[in-house]
Amino acid sequence: MQDVPRQATATETTERNGGRASRRDEILRIAMGLFARNGFDGTSIRDIADAAGLTKPALYYHFSDKEELYEHVVTERMTRLNAAMREAIAGSDDPVEQVRLFVLAHARRMDADRTGWITARHSFHSITDPERRERIGRMRREFEHMLRDRFQDAMDRGLLSSEVSATLVTRMLLSAVNDLARWMRTDGGMTAEDAAQAYLDVTLRGMGARD
């Protein structure tokens, strides 16, 4: 009589899947650090596998290629970032105050996760697959549009000058804040939030915001 293979219990399946998920998370964390330090093009699958203590075939069990791995790194980070920005602006219905809340929350998250920030910012254009670029680009646009819509609302209500387009001022402010991760020292006595507050003051006063 032929033995019938024993079916895994729900607990065993959960433990096995949980271990697999944990290993993937560890690989993503390691890859994020390497991408941030060496850039996308300067990081190979061999580099990631060696840092994770895996063979290349074992790494390919979790991710089909380097671009898929990078997409997972950025998608996970952008999902959490966009959720945090929505939560931040929900604290007010004044669009000028929402601009402040958004930018300061943005800067705080940069301080908390500079490695992830650098990874997402500097390697996007290395992605060659158009579908992956579009998926990541859609999340980046969602982030930008949240702030742009706050500026546009404030302009429409007459709370800020409309002499400059909402898109232009949004990109100017985000570019300035995003660049903090590149040059600001963590031990320099100023946080990204401090610098973002100064950028906000200059920007909003220049647009006629009342204190």
C-alpha atoms as a PDB file:
ATOM      1  CA  MET A   1       0.000   0.000   0.000  1.00  0.00           C
ATOM      2  CA  GLN A   2       1.412   3.328  -1.090  1.00  0.00           C
ATOM      3  CA  ASP A   3       1.969   5.941   1.604  1.00  0.00           C
ATOM      4  CA  VAL A   4      -0.070   9.102   1.178  1.00  0.00           C
ATOM      5  CA  PRO A   5       1.990  12.237   1.780  1.00  0.00           C
ATOM      6  CA  ARG A   6       0.929  13.995   4.977  1.00  0.00           C
ATOM      7  CA  GLN A   7      -0.726  17.353   4.364  1.00  0.00           C
ATOM      8  CA  ALA A   8       0.949  20.243   6.181  1.00  0.00           C
ATOM      9  CA  THR A   9      -1.011  21.684   9.049  1.00  0.00           C
ATOM     10  CA  ALA A  10      -2.130  25.317   8.998  1.00  0.00           C
ATOM     11  CA  THR A  11       0.451  26.135  11.667  1.00  0.00           C
ATOM     12  CA  GLU A  12       3.277  24.552   9.703  1.00  0.00           C
ATOM     13  CA  THR A  13       2.229  26.386   6.547  1.00  0.00           C
ATOM     14  CA  THR A  14       2.075  29.707   8.376  1.00  0.00           C
ATOM     15  CA  GLU A  15       5.514  29.147   9.929  1.00  0.00           C
ATOM     16  CA  ARG A  16       7.005  28.194   6.587  1.00  0.00           C
ATOM     17  CA  ASN A  17       5.458  31.170   4.784  1.00  0.00           C
ATOM     18  CA  GLY A  18       6.377  33.475   7.636  1.00  0.00           C
ATOM     19  CA  GLY A  19       9.983  32.358   7.462  1.00  0.00           C
ATOM     20  CA  ARG A  20      10.010  32.944   3.722  1.00  0.00           C
ATOM     21  CA  ALA A  21       8.536  36.417   4.177  1.00  0.00           C
ATOM     22  CA  SER A  22      11.087  37.189   6.884  1.00  0.00           C
ATOM     23  CA  ARG A  23      13.933  36.129   4.587  1.00  0.00           C
ATOM     24  CA  ARG A  24      12.577  38.309   1.791  1.00  0.00           C
ATOM     25  CA  ASP A  25      12.398  41.266   4.171  1.00  0.00           C
ATOM     26  CA  GLU A  26      16.014  40.683   5.158  1.00  0.00           C
ATOM     27  CA  ILE A  27      17.096  40.565   1.510  1.00  0.00           C
ATOM     28  CA  LEU A  28      15.190  43.784   0.795  1.00  0.00           C
ATOM     29  CA  ARG A  29      16.845  45.527   3.750  1.00  0.00           C
ATOM     30  CA  ILE A  30      20.310  44.440   2.600  1.00  0.00           C
ATOM     31  CA  ALA A  31      19.615  45.415  -1.011  1.00  0.00           C
ATOM     32  CA  MET A  32      18.343  48.833   0.055  1.00  0.00           C
ATOM     33  CA  GLY A  33      21.609  49.543   1.863  1.00  0.00           C
ATOM     34  CA  LEU A  34      23.717  48.442  -1.104  1.00  0.00           C
ATOM     35  CA  PHE A  35      21.624  50.418  -3.602  1.00  0.00           C
ATOM     36  CA  ALA A  36      21.904  53.540  -1.429  1.00  0.00           C
ATOM     37  CA  ARG A  37      25.680  53.165  -1.019  1.00  0.00           C
ATOM     38  CA  ASN A  38      26.694  51.987  -4.505  1.00  0.00           C
ATOM     39  CA  GLY A  39      23.773  52.947  -6.727  1.00  0.00           C
ATOM     40  CA  PHE A  40      21.611  50.598  -8.760  1.00  0.00           C
ATOM     41  CA  ASP A  41      24.173  50.067 -11.528  1.00  0.00           C
ATOM     42  CA  GLY A  42      26.993  49.654  -9.011  1.00  0.00           C
ATOM     43  CA  THR A  43      25.219  46.845  -7.154  1.00  0.00           C
ATOM     44  CA  SER A  44      25.095  43.347  -8.611  1.00  0.00           C
ATOM     45  CA  ILE A  45      22.955  40.360  -7.741  1.00  0.00           C
ATOM     46  CA  ARG A  46      26.182  38.701  -6.591  1.00  0.00           C
ATOM     47  CA  ASP A  47      26.809  41.606  -4.188  1.00  0.00           C
ATOM     48  CA  ILE A  48      23.333  41.235  -2.694  1.00  0.00           C
ATOM     49  CA  ALA A  49      23.551  37.441  -2.478  1.00  0.00           C
ATOM     50  CA  ASP A  50      26.967  37.584  -0.780  1.00  0.00           C
ATOM     51  CA  ALA A  51      25.797  40.205   1.738  1.00  0.00           C
ATOM     52  CA  ALA A  52      22.730  38.092   2.518  1.00  0.00           C
ATOM     53  CA  GLY A  53      24.764  34.880   2.852  1.00  0.00           C
ATOM     54  CA  LEU A  54      22.987  33.269  -0.113  1.00  0.00           C
ATOM     55  CA  THR A  55      23.941  31.723  -3.408  1.00  0.00           C
ATOM     56  CA  LYS A  56      22.666  33.463  -6.536  1.00  0.00           C
ATOM     57  CA  PRO A  57      20.182  30.620  -7.261  1.00  0.00           C
ATOM     58  CA  ALA A  58      18.838  30.954  -3.711  1.00  0.00           C
ATOM     59  CA  LEU A  59      18.355  34.692  -4.218  1.00  0.00           C
ATOM     60  CA  TYR A  60      16.587  34.074  -7.512  1.00  0.00           C
ATOM     61  CA  TYR A  61      14.149  31.868  -5.601  1.00  0.00           C
ATOM     62  CA  HIS A  62      12.858  35.048  -3.951  1.00  0.00           C
ATOM     63  CA  PHE A  63      13.304  37.593  -6.777  1.00  0.00           C
ATOM     64  CA  SER A  64      13.519  37.034 -10.515  1.00  0.00           C
ATOM     65  CA  ASP A  65      16.106  39.791 -11.142  1.00  0.00           C
ATOM     66  CA  LYS A  66      17.678  42.936  -9.729  1.00  0.00           C
ATOM     67  CA  GLU A  67      14.985  45.231 -11.110  1.00  0.00           C
ATOM     68  CA  GLU A  68      12.238  43.241  -9.396  1.00  0.00           C
ATOM     69  CA  LEU A  69      14.169  43.453  -6.140  1.00  0.00           C
ATOM     70  CA  TYR A  70      14.577  47.215  -6.524  1.00  0.00           C
ATOM     71  CA  GLU A  71      10.891  47.627  -7.361  1.00  0.00           C
ATOM     72  CA  HIS A  72       9.940  45.838  -4.134  1.00  0.00           C
ATOM     73  CA  VAL A  73      12.297  48.071  -2.119  1.00  0.00           C
ATOM     74  CA  VAL A  74      10.809  51.262  -3.538  1.00  0.00           C
ATOM     75  CA  THR A  75       7.186  50.102  -3.610  1.00  0.00           C
ATOM     76  CA  GLU A  76       7.232  49.107   0.043  1.00  0.00           C
ATOM     77  CA  ARG A  77       8.786  52.418   1.021  1.00  0.00           C
ATOM     78  CA  MET A  78       6.470  54.540  -1.156  1.00  0.00           C
ATOM     79  CA  THR A  79       3.367  52.745   0.124  1.00  0.00           C
ATOM     80  CA  ARG A  80       4.294  53.617   3.709  1.00  0.00           C
ATOM     81  CA  LEU A  81       5.322  57.153   2.757  1.00  0.00           C
ATOM     82  CA  ASN A  82       2.099  57.996   0.939  1.00  0.00           C
ATOM     83  CA  ALA A  83       0.007  56.600   3.776  1.00  0.00           C
ATOM     84  CA  ALA A  84       1.951  58.738   6.263  1.00  0.00           C
ATOM     85  CA  MET A  85       1.433  61.876   4.152  1.00  0.00           C
ATOM     86  CA  ARG A  86      -2.316  61.277   3.943  1.00  0.00           C
ATOM     87  CA  GLU A  87      -2.411  60.862   7.693  1.00  0.00           C
ATOM     88  CA  ALA A  88      -0.386  64.047   8.224  1.00  0.00           C
ATOM     89  CA  ILE A  89      -2.615  66.335   6.161  1.00  0.00           C
ATOM     90  CA  ALA A  90      -5.766  64.846   7.687  1.00  0.00           C
ATOM     91  CA  GLY A  91      -4.919  66.870  10.807  1.00  0.00           C
ATOM     92  CA  SER A  92      -6.226  70.115   9.279  1.00  0.00           C
ATOM     93  CA  ASP A  93      -8.690  71.404   6.681  1.00  0.00           C
ATOM     94  CA  ASP A  94      -6.668  74.605   6.063  1.00  0.00           C
ATOM     95  CA  PRO A  95      -4.677  74.035   2.842  1.00  0.00           C
ATOM     96  CA  VAL A  96      -1.764  76.273   3.926  1.00  0.00           C
ATOM     97  CA  GLU A  97      -1.471  74.375   7.190  1.00  0.00           C
ATOM     98  CA  GLN A  98      -1.728  71.122   5.227  1.00  0.00           C
ATOM     99  CA  VAL A  99       1.274  72.222   3.139  1.00  0.00           C
ATOM    100  CA  ARG A 100       3.225  72.711   6.366  1.00  0.00           C
ATOM    101  CA  LEU A 101       2.090  69.393   7.820  1.00  0.00           C
ATOM    102  CA  PHE A 102       2.995  67.537   4.610  1.00  0.00           C
ATOM    103  CA  VAL A 103       6.480  69.022   4.204  1.00  0.00           C
ATOM    104  CA  LEU A 104       7.448  68.624   7.861  1.00  0.00           C
ATOM    105  CA  ALA A 105       6.196  65.017   7.970  1.00  0.00           C
ATOM    106  CA  HIS A 106       8.142  64.413   4.754  1.00  0.00           C
ATOM    107  CA  ALA A 107      11.336  65.736   6.378  1.00  0.00           C
ATOM    108  CA  ARG A 108      10.854  63.694   9.561  1.00  0.00           C
ATOM    109  CA  ARG A 109      10.548  60.488   7.575  1.00  0.00           C
ATOM    110  CA  MET A 110      13.706  61.365   5.677  1.00  0.00           C
ATOM    111  CA  ASP A 111      15.579  61.747   8.944  1.00  0.00           C
ATOM    112  CA  ALA A 112      14.248  58.375  10.083  1.00  0.00           C
ATOM    113  CA  ASP A 113      15.089  56.522   6.838  1.00  0.00           C
ATOM    114  CA  ARG A 114      17.868  58.220   4.885  1.00  0.00           C
ATOM    115  CA  THR A 115      19.034  54.964   3.324  1.00  0.00           C
ATOM    116  CA  GLY A 116      15.609  54.269   1.859  1.00  0.00           C
ATOM    117  CA  TRP A 117      15.285  57.868   0.722  1.00  0.00           C
ATOM    118  CA  ILE A 118      18.554  57.839  -1.176  1.00  0.00           C
ATOM    119  CA  THR A 119      17.690  54.486  -2.738  1.00  0.00           C
ATOM    120  CA  ALA A 120      14.319  55.645  -4.022  1.00  0.00           C
ATOM    121  CA  ARG A 121      15.552  59.017  -5.212  1.00  0.00           C
ATOM    122  CA  HIS A 122      18.711  58.179  -7.108  1.00  0.00           C
ATOM    123  CA  SER A 123      18.100  54.825  -8.818  1.00  0.00           C
ATOM    124  CA  PHE A 124      14.647  55.260 -10.391  1.00  0.00           C
ATOM    125  CA  HIS A 125      15.981  56.113 -13.856  1.00  0.00           C
ATOM    126  CA  SER A 126      18.086  52.943 -13.939  1.00  0.00           C
ATOM    127  CA  ILE A 127      14.926  50.849 -14.298  1.00  0.00           C
ATOM    128  CA  THR A 128      14.513  49.784 -17.925  1.00  0.00           C
ATOM    129  CA  ASP A 129      11.277  47.773 -17.770  1.00  0.00           C
ATOM    130  CA  PRO A 130       8.475  50.203 -18.772  1.00  0.00           C
ATOM    131  CA  GLU A 131       5.798  48.517 -16.661  1.00  0.00           C
ATOM    132  CA  ARG A 132       7.955  48.661 -13.542  1.00  0.00           C
ATOM    133  CA  ARG A 133       8.841  52.284 -14.239  1.00  0.00           C
ATOM    134  CA  GLU A 134       5.167  53.118 -14.591  1.00  0.00           C
ATOM    135  CA  ARG A 135       4.180  51.368 -11.361  1.00  0.00           C
ATOM    136  CA  ILE A 136       6.871  53.190  -9.388  1.00  0.00           C
ATOM    137  CA  GLY A 137       6.189  56.450 -11.223  1.00  0.00           C
ATOM    138  CA  ARG A 138       2.503  56.257 -10.339  1.00  0.00           C
ATOM    139  CA  MET A 139       3.339  56.147  -6.635  1.00  0.00           C
ATOM    140  CA  ARG A 140       5.804  59.026  -6.986  1.00  0.00           C
ATOM    141  CA  ARG A 141       3.146  61.106  -8.758  1.00  0.00           C
ATOM    142  CA  GLU A 142       0.633  60.328  -6.013  1.00  0.00           C
ATOM    143  CA  PHE A 143       3.091  61.742  -3.478  1.00  0.00           C
ATOM    144  CA  GLU A 144       3.757  64.907  -5.497  1.00  0.00           C
ATOM    145  CA  HIS A 145       0.099  65.501  -6.307  1.00  0.00           C
ATOM    146  CA  MET A 146      -0.902  65.412  -2.648  1.00  0.00           C
ATOM    147  CA  LEU A 147       1.230  68.495  -2.034  1.00  0.00           C
ATOM    148  CA  ARG A 148       0.417  70.154  -5.355  1.00  0.00           C
ATOM    149  CA  ASP A 149      -3.317  69.877  -4.677  1.00  0.00           C
ATOM    150  CA  ARG A 150      -2.857  71.560  -1.277  1.00  0.00           C
ATOM    151  CA  PHE A 151      -1.048  74.475  -2.934  1.00  0.00           C
ATOM    152  CA  GLN A 152      -3.699  74.719  -5.647  1.00  0.00           C
ATOM    153  CA  ASP A 153      -6.505  74.728  -3.086  1.00  0.00           C
ATOM    154  CA  ALA A 154      -4.783  77.523  -1.133  1.00  0.00           C
ATOM    155  CA  MET A 155      -4.369  79.543  -4.336  1.00  0.00           C
ATOM    156  CA  ASP A 156      -7.983  79.007  -5.349  1.00  0.00           C
ATOM    157  CA  ARG A 157      -9.123  80.275  -1.928  1.00  0.00           C
ATOM    158  CA  GLY A 158      -6.915  83.352  -2.187  1.00  0.00           C
ATOM    159  CA  LEU A 159      -4.735  82.244   0.731  1.00  0.00           C
ATOM    160  CA  LEU A 160      -1.587  82.119  -1.407  1.00  0.00           C
ATOM    161  CA  SER A 161      -0.512  84.060  -4.478  1.00  0.00           C
ATOM    162  CA  SER A 162      -1.266  82.322  -7.772  1.00  0.00           C
ATOM    163  CA  GLU A 163       1.452  84.164  -9.708  1.00  0.00           C
ATOM    164  CA  VAL A 164       3.443  80.909  -9.851  1.00  0.00           C
ATOM    165  CA  SER A 165       1.915  77.549 -10.769  1.00  0.00           C
ATOM    166  CA  ALA A 166       1.134  75.037  -8.042  1.00  0.00           C
ATOM    167  CA  THR A 167       3.137  72.406  -9.923  1.00  0.00           C
ATOM    168  CA  LEU A 168       6.242  74.589 -10.125  1.00  0.00           C
ATOM    169  CA  VAL A 169       6.263  75.606  -6.454  1.00  0.00           C
ATOM    170  CA  THR A 170       5.602  71.983  -5.411  1.00  0.00           C
ATOM    171  CA  ARG A 171       8.548  70.676  -7.406  1.00  0.00           C
ATOM    172  CA  MET A 172      10.801  73.473  -6.194  1.00  0.00           C
ATOM    173  CA  LEU A 173      10.007  72.762  -2.541  1.00  0.00           C
ATOM    174  CA  LEU A 174      10.192  68.976  -2.856  1.00  0.00           C
ATOM    175  CA  SER A 175      13.498  69.181  -4.731  1.00  0.00           C
ATOM    176  CA  ALA A 176      14.979  71.314  -1.961  1.00  0.00           C
ATOM    177  CA  VAL A 177      13.771  69.017   0.815  1.00  0.00           C
ATOM    178  CA  ASN A 178      14.658  65.803  -1.030  1.00  0.00           C
ATOM    179  CA  ASP A 179      18.221  67.007  -1.531  1.00  0.00           C
ATOM    180  CA  LEU A 180      18.738  67.274   2.235  1.00  0.00           C
ATOM    181  CA  ALA A 181      19.430  63.530   2.442  1.00  0.00           C
ATOM    182  CA  ARG A 182      22.426  64.003   0.148  1.00  0.00           C
ATOM    183  CA  TRP A 183      24.282  66.775   1.976  1.00  0.00           C
ATOM    184  CA  MET A 184      22.947  67.129   5.513  1.00  0.00           C
ATOM    185  CA  ARG A 185      25.073  65.483   8.203  1.00  0.00           C
ATOM    186  CA  THR A 186      23.279  63.528  10.880  1.00  0.00           C
ATOM    187  CA  ASP A 187      25.546  65.034  13.553  1.00  0.00           C
ATOM    188  CA  GLY A 188      25.433  68.615  12.293  1.00  0.00           C
ATOM    189  CA  GLY A 189      23.067  69.996  14.910  1.00  0.00           C
ATOM    190  CA  MET A 190      20.221  70.613  12.441  1.00  0.00           C
ATOM    191  CA  THR A 191      17.571  68.097  11.491  1.00  0.00           C
ATOM    192  CA  ALA A 192      15.886  67.756   8.117  1.00  0.00           C
ATOM    193  CA  GLU A 193      12.729  69.071   9.780  1.00  0.00           C
ATOM    194  CA  ASP A 194      14.581  72.241  10.893  1.00  0.00           C
ATOM    195  CA  ALA A 195      15.782  72.874   7.345  1.00  0.00           C
ATOM    196  CA  ALA A 196      12.354  72.073   5.869  1.00  0.00           C
ATOM    197  CA  GLN A 197      10.769  74.593   8.248  1.00  0.00           C
ATOM    198  CA  ALA A 198      13.151  77.283   6.960  1.00  0.00           C
ATOM    199  CA  TYR A 199      12.328  76.368   3.342  1.00  0.00           C
ATOM    200  CA  LEU A 200       8.625  76.545   4.166  1.00  0.00           C
ATOM    201  CA  ASP A 201       8.922  79.965   5.776  1.00  0.00           C
ATOM    202  CA  VAL A 202      10.697  81.406   2.745  1.00  0.00           C
ATOM    203  CA  THR A 203       8.289  79.801   0.279  1.00  0.00           C
ATOM    204  CA  LEU A 204       5.017  80.649   2.022  1.00  0.00           C
ATOM    205  CA  ARG A 205       5.978  84.195   2.941  1.00  0.00           C
ATOM    206  CA  GLY A 206       7.016  84.766  -0.639  1.00  0.00           C
ATOM    207  CA  MET A 207       3.557  83.634  -1.686  1.00  0.00           C
ATOM    208  CA  GLY A 208       1.837  86.019   0.728  1.00  0.00           C
ATOM    209  CA  ALA A 209       0.815  83.581   3.457  1.00  0.00           C
ATOM    210  CA  ARG A 210      -0.256  85.168   6.719  1.00  0.00           C
ATOM    211  CA  ASP A 211       1.585  84.035   9.869  1.00  0.00           C
END
